[in-house]
Amino acid sequence: TQTKSADVERADSGIGQMPARRWRNRASERLSSLQAWEAHRPCTDCGERDLPVETDVQNCNQRRADLCEKCRKRRTERKESVLEFVNTEASYGEDLRIIKEEFYLPMQAAGLLSQEQLLGIFSNIQELIDLNENFLEILQEEIDQAFDQGDDDLMTVCIGEVFLEFVNMLPAFQTYCLQQSSSVNMLNALEKEKELLRIFLNVSQNDNTALRRMNLRSFLMAPLQRVTKYPLLLSRIIKATNEYHPDHGSLREAKSRIESHLEHINMKTKQEGNTWTLRSFRQDSKKKREVINIEMRETALKTVGWLREETRFVMEGSLQLAQPPDGQWVKKGSKTLKFQNMQVLLLVNMKRVSESSLESAEPGPVKDAVLVLIRDKNNGKFHLLREPLRLSNCIVSTDPDCDDTFELIEIRREAFVFRDSDRARTHHWFRQIRRYSRELGSWKKRRNALPNIMISTPHTRP
């Protein structure tokens, strides 16, 4: 009787004795190779092999068992540096609280000083307190979340990213530091003049245990000491952070930003005739350029009078500017125009959607947008060419025959032609300015109000 193959149940392995033996030998060899690889598995941080042999107690934490000795030490140093950053920020916040609750409020309640005198001594201390509380809250949330997720080494904590989110606190430090000299001089003069103030300060220092026998002048130095310590703390974290870590680039950028602001503060103190300076850092061309940018932003912000937290610096840099005498320059080409170098800043005033600085990724509607034109630096100061150009009153356009320039016309007033040394960057400036110009007011109404051959051309740049 013929039996179907599907009905036959095999009793052997189906591959014969010799192949089966050969397969078992290969499996054994592969198992040995796997065990050898496991014994010399690569470090999860640096990729090096030949890790030290672990005991059962050490292997209870598998993540750390997969690290070489060098990377273990680095992770430990990074964790200590991160905790030092957060803990010292908390200590700094406590000193700010003491300034307000143990000095400012009692002196105000007792009428020892007028409100103007209090403002002269304590400057923008409340702004620094608010910034510290928000900054510290986000930092602490990062630490708590890392521990909750089992990240005992705090590798998921990104100090650099958080610092850059709060980079607007640096101008607040600048305001305080620049007033420090006059604040101390005012305090010295008032202490000699007012006996009750002198008694209050002496009793507070000697009898108030919260002050740790420190006087008011020592506490008023806390913001200066804190802002100069940021680069040192960030340097320690950078040193212990692998270059492939997602926060490495943000840490380096944060360190560069704070150093540039410190150099800018020193520059401002010299301009105002003060003899003291903050801790100096080595300047390179990039940091020097950033210091100049900070100065220009301060000048622009002071000119427009907007709130810092509602202002976005969309673009900034050098542009060439010309003012054509008539509308025939397009036919003749831009070579007939006389250009001058100018520093240009595109500022946008955005309505805040949320009070949280970390939610600024969702900007509100555009309230206003301006172009600030600043002449090149001269004798340590910047000079405005004119009042800011409000894009709500301007029309920006281009022509395909002059694609290396664009024109900005202020309705019923002046016309300006701009260009960058790089044509692609000229196009980028044009697109950005046109974008915000169209978001303000009635674009069609303004467009039809001014007949211009450049506007009506069908070949406009996308």
Protein backbone atom coordinates (compact mmCIF):
# COMPACT_ATOMS: atom_id res chain seq x y z
CA THR A 1 0.00 0.00 0.00
CA GLN A 2 1.28 3.46 -0.97
CA THR A 3 1.62 5.80 2.07
CA LYS A 4 1.53 9.54 1.66
CA SER A 5 4.66 11.36 2.87
CA ALA A 6 2.55 13.62 5.02
CA ASP A 7 1.41 10.63 7.07
CA VAL A 8 4.93 9.49 7.93
CA GLU A 9 6.22 10.62 11.32
CA ARG A 10 10.00 10.86 11.37
CA ALA A 11 11.82 9.63 14.45
CA ASP A 12 15.20 11.25 13.63
CA SER A 13 16.23 14.87 13.21
CA GLY A 14 15.64 14.79 9.53
CA ILE A 15 19.15 15.91 8.63
CA GLY A 16 21.09 12.71 9.16
CA GLN A 17 23.72 11.81 11.73
CA MET A 18 26.74 13.55 10.17
CA PRO A 19 25.00 16.87 9.43
CA ALA A 20 23.41 16.81 12.89
CA ARG A 21 26.80 16.34 14.55
CA ARG A 22 28.30 19.10 12.42
CA TRP A 23 25.37 21.43 13.34
CA ARG A 24 25.82 20.70 17.06
CA ASN A 25 29.53 21.49 16.77
CA ARG A 26 28.81 24.79 15.04
CA ALA A 27 26.18 25.69 17.63
CA SER A 28 28.69 24.95 20.37
CA GLU A 29 31.29 27.11 18.66
CA ARG A 30 28.82 29.96 18.29
CA LEU A 31 27.82 29.68 21.94
CA SER A 32 31.48 29.86 22.93
CA SER A 33 31.93 32.90 20.69
CA LEU A 34 28.87 34.54 22.21
CA GLN A 35 30.16 33.88 25.71
CA ALA A 36 33.55 35.28 24.71
CA TRP A 37 31.89 38.39 23.27
CA GLU A 38 29.82 38.77 26.44
CA ALA A 39 32.98 38.51 28.51
CA HIS A 40 34.51 41.31 26.40
CA ARG A 41 31.35 43.22 25.48
CA PRO A 42 31.80 46.80 24.28
CA CYS A 43 31.22 49.74 26.60
CA THR A 44 27.84 51.32 25.89
CA ASP A 45 29.34 54.82 26.09
CA CYS A 46 32.68 54.66 24.31
CA GLY A 47 32.51 51.28 22.49
CA GLU A 48 35.76 49.94 23.96
CA ARG A 49 36.04 46.27 24.93
CA ASP A 50 37.80 44.27 27.66
CA LEU A 51 35.62 45.46 30.50
CA PRO A 52 36.65 44.35 34.00
CA VAL A 53 35.15 41.11 35.29
CA GLU A 54 32.08 41.84 37.41
CA THR A 55 30.91 40.10 40.55
CA ASP A 56 27.28 39.16 41.13
CA VAL A 57 26.83 42.19 43.39
CA GLN A 58 28.21 44.53 40.75
CA ASN A 59 26.06 42.96 38.06
CA CYS A 60 22.87 43.89 39.90
CA ASN A 61 22.97 47.14 37.95
CA GLN A 62 23.30 45.94 34.35
CA ARG A 63 23.58 49.43 32.88
CA ARG A 64 26.67 50.23 34.89
CA ALA A 65 28.08 46.75 34.26
CA ASP A 66 28.11 47.59 30.54
CA LEU A 67 30.47 50.55 31.12
CA CYS A 68 34.22 50.62 31.16
CA GLU A 69 35.97 52.07 34.18
CA LYS A 70 36.69 55.36 32.43
CA CYS A 71 33.06 55.89 31.41
CA ARG A 72 31.81 54.91 34.87
CA LYS A 73 34.00 57.59 36.37
CA ARG A 74 32.82 60.10 33.75
CA ARG A 75 29.16 59.36 34.48
CA THR A 76 29.78 59.79 38.19
CA GLU A 77 31.52 63.12 37.58
CA ARG A 78 28.69 64.25 35.31
CA LYS A 79 26.06 63.38 37.89
CA GLU A 80 27.96 65.27 40.58
CA SER A 81 28.38 68.29 38.27
CA VAL A 82 24.68 68.33 37.37
CA LEU A 83 23.64 68.10 41.03
CA GLU A 84 26.14 70.84 41.90
CA PHE A 85 24.58 73.09 39.26
CA VAL A 86 21.07 72.54 40.62
CA ASN A 87 22.02 72.72 44.31
CA THR A 88 24.02 75.93 43.92
CA GLU A 89 21.11 77.44 41.97
CA ALA A 90 18.88 76.59 44.94
CA SER A 91 21.38 78.19 47.36
CA TYR A 92 21.53 81.30 45.20
CA GLY A 93 17.73 81.47 45.26
CA GLU A 94 17.78 81.27 49.05
CA ASP A 95 20.12 84.27 49.19
CA LEU A 96 17.76 86.21 46.93
CA ARG A 97 14.86 85.32 49.24
CA ILE A 98 16.85 86.60 52.23
CA ILE A 99 17.53 89.89 50.45
CA LYS A 100 13.82 90.42 49.93
CA GLU A 101 12.32 89.03 53.14
CA GLU A 102 15.01 89.99 55.66
CA PHE A 103 16.06 93.36 54.27
CA TYR A 104 13.81 94.83 51.56
CA LEU A 105 10.38 94.15 53.08
CA PRO A 106 11.29 95.10 56.72
CA MET A 107 12.96 98.32 55.54
CA GLN A 108 9.92 99.13 53.42
CA ALA A 109 7.44 98.35 56.21
CA ALA A 110 9.37 100.42 58.76
CA GLY A 111 9.70 103.35 56.39
CA LEU A 112 13.48 103.42 56.76
CA LEU A 113 13.89 104.30 53.09
CA SER A 114 11.70 105.74 50.37
CA GLN A 115 10.58 103.61 47.43
CA GLU A 116 13.03 105.40 45.17
CA GLN A 117 15.90 104.68 47.56
CA LEU A 118 14.87 101.02 47.86
CA LEU A 119 14.82 100.73 44.08
CA GLY A 120 18.26 102.32 43.90
CA ILE A 121 19.75 99.81 46.35
CA PHE A 122 17.93 96.60 45.40
CA SER A 123 17.56 97.31 41.68
CA ASN A 124 15.63 94.56 39.80
CA ILE A 125 15.95 91.96 42.59
CA GLN A 126 12.32 90.86 42.16
CA GLU A 127 12.94 90.05 38.49
CA LEU A 128 15.93 87.90 39.47
CA ILE A 129 13.83 86.11 42.10
CA ASP A 130 11.11 85.27 39.58
CA LEU A 131 13.64 84.00 37.04
CA ASN A 132 15.42 81.88 39.63
CA GLU A 133 12.19 80.28 40.82
CA ASN A 134 11.10 79.34 37.30
CA PHE A 135 14.58 78.13 36.32
CA LEU A 136 14.99 76.07 39.47
CA GLU A 137 11.54 74.53 39.10
CA ILE A 138 12.33 73.22 35.61
CA LEU A 139 15.74 71.94 36.72
CA GLN A 140 14.23 70.09 39.67
CA GLU A 141 11.56 68.56 37.43
CA GLU A 142 14.32 67.24 35.15
CA ILE A 143 16.10 65.64 38.10
CA ASP A 144 12.93 64.10 39.56
CA GLN A 145 11.83 62.74 36.19
CA ALA A 146 15.22 61.12 35.61
CA PHE A 147 15.11 59.34 38.98
CA ASP A 148 11.50 58.26 38.40
CA GLN A 149 12.53 56.66 35.10
CA GLY A 150 15.38 54.76 36.75
CA ASP A 151 18.09 57.04 35.36
CA ASP A 152 20.29 57.08 38.45
CA ASP A 153 23.19 58.61 36.50
CA LEU A 154 21.01 61.57 35.33
CA MET A 155 22.07 60.97 31.72
CA THR A 156 18.66 62.16 30.48
CA VAL A 157 19.01 65.53 32.25
CA CYS A 158 19.88 68.22 29.69
CA ILE A 159 21.13 71.27 31.58
CA GLY A 160 22.25 72.99 28.38
CA GLU A 161 18.81 72.83 26.76
CA VAL A 162 17.12 74.18 29.89
CA PHE A 163 19.69 76.98 30.20
CA LEU A 164 19.09 78.09 26.61
CA GLU A 165 15.34 78.15 27.27
CA PHE A 166 16.03 80.68 30.05
CA VAL A 167 18.70 82.65 28.18
CA ASN A 168 16.59 85.81 28.61
CA MET A 169 17.61 85.86 32.27
CA LEU A 170 21.08 87.06 31.21
CA PRO A 171 19.93 90.63 30.39
CA ALA A 172 18.33 90.74 33.85
CA PHE A 173 21.74 89.95 35.36
CA GLN A 174 23.23 92.69 33.18
CA THR A 175 20.76 95.26 34.51
CA TYR A 176 21.61 94.33 38.10
CA CYS A 177 25.38 94.23 37.56
CA LEU A 178 25.52 97.61 35.86
CA GLN A 179 23.69 99.21 38.80
CA GLN A 180 25.76 97.47 41.46
CA SER A 181 28.34 100.22 41.86
CA SER A 182 25.75 102.98 42.29
CA SER A 183 23.70 100.73 44.62
CA VAL A 184 26.62 100.22 47.00
CA ASN A 185 27.49 103.93 46.94
CA MET A 186 23.89 104.83 47.77
CA LEU A 187 23.78 102.30 50.61
CA ASN A 188 27.01 103.67 52.10
CA ALA A 189 25.74 107.24 51.94
CA LEU A 190 22.33 106.40 53.45
CA GLU A 191 23.89 104.34 56.24
CA LYS A 192 25.97 107.34 57.31
CA GLU A 193 22.99 109.66 57.03
CA LYS A 194 20.26 107.57 58.71
CA GLU A 195 20.98 106.26 62.21
CA LEU A 196 17.91 103.98 62.29
CA LEU A 197 19.07 102.30 59.10
CA ARG A 198 22.53 101.74 60.56
CA ILE A 199 21.05 100.23 63.74
CA PHE A 200 18.75 97.95 61.74
CA LEU A 201 21.61 96.63 59.59
CA ASN A 202 23.85 96.00 62.62
CA VAL A 203 21.12 94.20 64.61
CA SER A 204 20.17 92.10 61.58
CA GLN A 205 23.73 90.96 61.00
CA ASN A 206 24.39 90.06 64.65
CA ASP A 207 21.04 88.69 65.82
CA ASN A 208 19.29 87.28 62.73
CA THR A 209 20.46 83.67 62.42
CA ALA A 210 19.12 83.44 58.84
CA LEU A 211 21.81 85.89 57.72
CA ARG A 212 24.72 83.66 58.87
CA ARG A 213 26.35 86.84 60.32
CA MET A 214 26.65 88.30 56.80
CA ASN A 215 25.85 91.93 56.08
CA LEU A 216 23.59 93.31 53.38
CA ARG A 217 26.48 94.15 51.05
CA SER A 218 27.55 90.50 50.99
CA PHE A 219 24.07 89.35 49.98
CA LEU A 220 23.82 92.03 47.31
CA MET A 221 26.88 90.48 45.66
CA ALA A 222 25.06 87.12 45.18
CA PRO A 223 23.78 87.82 41.63
CA LEU A 224 27.24 88.94 40.47
CA GLN A 225 28.84 85.85 41.94
CA ARG A 226 26.18 83.59 40.43
CA VAL A 227 26.38 84.89 36.88
CA THR A 228 30.19 84.53 36.83
CA LYS A 229 29.94 80.96 38.14
CA TYR A 230 27.71 79.71 35.32
CA PRO A 231 30.60 79.23 32.81
CA LEU A 232 32.60 77.26 35.39
CA LEU A 233 29.70 74.98 36.25
CA LEU A 234 28.85 74.42 32.60
CA SER A 235 32.51 73.65 31.83
CA ARG A 236 32.52 70.88 34.43
CA ILE A 237 29.40 69.32 32.94
CA ILE A 238 30.83 69.60 29.41
CA LYS A 239 34.06 67.92 30.48
CA ALA A 240 32.12 64.96 31.88
CA THR A 241 29.66 64.72 28.96
CA ASN A 242 30.39 62.48 25.98
CA GLU A 243 30.45 64.40 22.69
CA TYR A 244 27.69 62.12 21.36
CA HIS A 245 25.35 63.06 24.21
CA PRO A 246 22.29 64.99 22.90
CA ASP A 247 22.98 67.86 25.31
CA HIS A 248 26.64 68.33 24.43
CA GLY A 249 26.06 70.96 21.73
CA SER A 250 23.56 72.87 23.88
CA LEU A 251 26.00 72.92 26.79
CA ARG A 252 28.73 74.44 24.65
CA GLU A 253 26.35 77.01 23.19
CA ALA A 254 25.07 77.93 26.67
CA LYS A 255 28.63 78.42 27.90
CA SER A 256 29.47 80.60 24.90
CA ARG A 257 26.34 82.73 25.39
CA ILE A 258 27.02 83.43 29.07
CA GLU A 259 30.69 84.26 28.40
CA SER A 260 29.67 86.70 25.68
CA HIS A 261 27.23 88.40 28.04
CA LEU A 262 29.91 88.71 30.71
CA GLU A 263 32.24 90.36 28.22
CA HIS A 264 29.42 92.67 27.20
CA ILE A 265 28.79 93.63 30.83
CA ASN A 266 32.50 94.41 31.24
CA MET A 267 32.41 96.54 28.10
CA LYS A 268 29.41 98.50 29.40
CA THR A 269 31.01 99.09 32.80
CA LYS A 270 34.11 100.54 31.12
CA GLN A 271 31.94 102.82 28.98
CA GLU A 272 30.17 104.09 32.10
CA GLY A 273 33.49 104.79 33.84
CA ASN A 274 33.27 102.07 36.50
CA THR A 275 36.51 100.54 37.70
CA TRP A 276 35.20 97.08 38.63
CA THR A 277 34.80 94.24 36.13
CA LEU A 278 33.44 90.72 36.26
CA ARG A 279 35.58 87.65 35.79
CA SER A 280 37.24 87.98 32.39
CA PHE A 281 37.17 85.21 29.80
CA ARG A 282 39.39 84.71 26.78
CA GLN A 283 37.85 86.34 23.75
CA ASP A 284 37.97 84.90 20.26
CA SER A 285 36.51 86.37 17.09
CA LYS A 286 33.23 84.48 17.53
CA LYS A 287 32.72 85.72 21.10
CA LYS A 288 33.68 89.26 20.06
CA ARG A 289 31.05 89.12 17.32
CA GLU A 290 28.46 87.89 19.83
CA VAL A 291 29.30 90.77 22.20
CA ILE A 292 28.65 93.22 19.37
CA ASN A 293 25.36 91.46 18.60
CA ILE A 294 24.29 91.77 22.24
CA GLU A 295 25.04 95.48 22.18
CA MET A 296 23.01 95.93 18.99
CA ARG A 297 20.05 94.00 20.44
CA GLU A 298 20.12 96.19 23.54
CA THR A 299 20.16 99.31 21.38
CA ALA A 300 17.31 98.03 19.19
CA LEU A 301 15.18 96.94 22.15
CA LYS A 302 15.65 100.29 23.88
CA THR A 303 14.69 102.08 20.66
CA VAL A 304 11.41 100.24 20.03
CA GLY A 305 10.48 100.10 23.73
CA TRP A 306 9.08 96.54 23.66
CA LEU A 307 9.08 94.04 26.50
CA ARG A 308 12.01 91.68 26.23
CA GLU A 309 9.94 88.55 26.79
CA GLU A 310 7.62 89.50 23.90
CA THR A 311 10.41 90.30 21.44
CA ARG A 312 11.94 87.91 18.92
CA PHE A 313 15.12 88.75 17.01
CA VAL A 314 14.29 86.98 13.75
CA MET A 315 17.38 88.05 11.76
CA GLU A 316 20.37 90.27 12.31
CA GLY A 317 23.53 91.00 10.39
CA SER A 318 25.24 93.23 7.89
CA LEU A 319 23.40 94.41 4.77
CA GLN A 320 24.23 96.92 2.07
CA LEU A 321 21.71 99.74 1.77
CA ALA A 322 21.00 102.35 -0.90
CA GLN A 323 18.30 104.98 -1.34
CA PRO A 324 17.44 105.39 -5.05
CA PRO A 325 16.62 108.96 -6.13
CA ASP A 326 13.89 107.77 -8.48
CA GLY A 327 12.24 104.64 -9.80
CA GLN A 328 14.55 104.26 -12.82
CA TRP A 329 17.25 102.33 -10.97
CA VAL A 330 15.68 98.99 -11.94
CA LYS A 331 16.23 99.66 -15.63
CA LYS A 332 19.79 100.80 -15.06
CA GLY A 333 20.64 98.03 -12.61
CA SER A 334 21.89 98.11 -9.04
CA LYS A 335 25.40 99.02 -10.18
CA THR A 336 24.26 102.61 -10.52
CA LEU A 337 23.39 102.82 -6.82
CA LYS A 338 25.73 103.83 -4.06
CA PHE A 339 25.53 101.28 -1.25
CA GLN A 340 26.71 101.66 2.34
CA ASN A 341 27.24 98.94 4.92
CA MET A 342 24.61 98.79 7.63
CA GLN A 343 23.75 96.56 10.58
CA VAL A 344 20.12 95.47 10.24
CA LEU A 345 17.93 93.75 12.84
CA LEU A 346 14.49 92.30 12.14
CA LEU A 347 12.46 92.43 15.38
CA VAL A 348 9.03 90.91 15.85
CA ASN A 349 6.70 91.66 18.75
CA MET A 350 4.74 88.48 19.55
CA LYS A 351 1.79 88.25 21.89
CA ARG A 352 2.57 85.64 24.56
CA VAL A 353 0.26 82.63 24.59
CA SER A 354 1.49 81.37 27.96
CA GLU A 355 3.41 82.79 30.90
CA SER A 356 5.73 79.78 30.87
CA SER A 357 8.96 80.52 29.04
CA LEU A 358 9.23 76.91 27.96
CA GLU A 359 5.99 77.19 25.97
CA SER A 360 7.36 79.90 23.72
CA ALA A 361 7.62 77.33 20.92
CA GLU A 362 3.95 78.19 20.25
CA PRO A 363 4.19 81.93 19.48
CA GLY A 364 1.10 84.08 19.48
CA PRO A 365 0.01 86.44 16.70
CA VAL A 366 2.38 89.12 15.44
CA LYS A 367 1.60 92.48 17.03
CA ASP A 368 4.33 94.47 15.32
CA ALA A 369 7.51 94.04 13.29
CA VAL A 370 10.27 96.53 12.57
CA LEU A 371 13.62 96.84 10.84
CA VAL A 372 16.24 98.64 12.92
CA LEU A 373 19.05 100.18 10.87
CA ILE A 374 22.29 100.78 12.76
CA ARG A 375 25.47 102.31 11.42
CA ASP A 376 28.69 100.41 11.92
CA LYS A 377 30.20 100.72 15.38
CA ASN A 378 32.05 104.00 15.94
CA ASN A 379 34.05 104.90 19.07
CA GLY A 380 32.44 102.11 21.07
CA LYS A 381 28.85 103.23 20.39
CA PHE A 382 26.14 102.45 17.88
CA HIS A 383 24.23 105.08 15.95
CA LEU A 384 20.76 104.61 14.51
CA LEU A 385 20.42 105.64 10.88
CA ARG A 386 16.80 106.65 11.45
CA GLU A 387 13.75 105.60 13.42
CA PRO A 388 12.82 101.91 12.95
CA LEU A 389 11.01 100.93 9.76
CA ARG A 390 7.61 99.53 10.77
CA LEU A 391 6.68 96.75 8.38
CA SER A 392 2.98 97.50 8.85
CA ASN A 393 3.64 100.68 6.82
CA CYS A 394 5.97 99.13 4.27
CA ILE A 395 5.81 97.14 1.07
CA VAL A 396 8.64 94.78 0.19
CA SER A 397 9.11 93.61 -3.38
CA THR A 398 11.65 92.40 -5.90
CA ASP A 399 12.14 92.19 -9.64
CA PRO A 400 13.48 89.25 -11.68
CA ASP A 401 15.86 91.57 -13.55
CA CYS A 402 17.55 92.56 -10.26
CA ASP A 403 17.50 89.33 -8.28
CA ASP A 404 20.52 90.34 -6.16
CA THR A 405 18.51 93.07 -4.39
CA PHE A 406 15.09 93.75 -2.93
CA GLU A 407 13.22 97.00 -2.31
CA LEU A 408 11.40 98.15 0.80
CA ILE A 409 9.09 101.14 0.35
CA GLU A 410 7.74 103.06 3.30
CA ILE A 411 4.34 104.33 2.20
CA ARG A 412 4.34 108.08 1.47
CA ARG A 413 7.92 108.38 2.68
CA GLU A 414 11.19 106.75 1.60
CA ALA A 415 12.36 103.79 -0.44
CA PHE A 416 15.33 101.55 0.39
CA VAL A 417 17.20 98.96 -1.64
CA PHE A 418 18.94 96.16 0.27
CA ARG A 419 21.37 93.45 -0.69
CA ASP A 420 23.73 91.00 0.99
CA SER A 421 27.15 90.00 -0.29
CA ASP A 422 25.69 86.50 -0.59
CA ARG A 423 22.77 86.26 -3.01
CA ALA A 424 21.13 83.34 -1.20
CA ARG A 425 21.16 85.31 2.03
CA THR A 426 19.64 88.29 0.23
CA HIS A 427 16.75 86.03 -0.81
CA HIS A 428 16.38 84.82 2.78
CA TRP A 429 16.20 88.39 4.11
CA PHE A 430 13.57 89.20 1.47
CA ARG A 431 11.37 86.22 2.33
CA GLN A 432 11.50 86.89 6.07
CA ILE A 433 10.71 90.61 5.77
CA ARG A 434 7.91 89.98 3.28
CA ARG A 435 6.43 87.29 5.51
CA TYR A 436 6.06 89.54 8.55
CA SER A 437 5.00 92.51 6.45
CA ARG A 438 2.07 90.51 5.09
CA GLU A 439 1.02 89.41 8.58
CA LEU A 440 0.45 93.01 9.68
CA GLY A 441 -2.55 95.10 8.71
CA SER A 442 -4.38 94.71 5.41
CA TRP A 443 -1.74 93.67 2.88
CA LYS A 444 -4.00 94.03 -0.17
CA LYS A 445 -5.11 97.50 0.89
CA ARG A 446 -1.53 98.69 1.30
CA ARG A 447 -0.43 96.93 -1.89
CA ASN A 448 -3.04 98.66 -4.05
CA ALA A 449 -2.46 102.02 -2.43
CA LEU A 450 0.94 102.41 -4.08
CA PRO A 451 1.32 101.86 -7.83
CA ASN A 452 4.72 100.38 -8.53
CA ILE A 453 5.95 98.49 -11.56
CA MET A 454 7.94 96.12 -9.34
CA ILE A 455 4.83 95.12 -7.36
CA SER A 456 2.61 94.45 -10.37
CA THR A 457 5.12 92.27 -12.18
CA PRO A 458 3.96 88.64 -12.57
CA HIS A 459 7.50 87.34 -11.98
CA THR A 460 7.92 87.70 -8.23
CA ARG A 461 10.28 85.57 -6.22
CA PRO A 462 8.52 82.70 -4.37
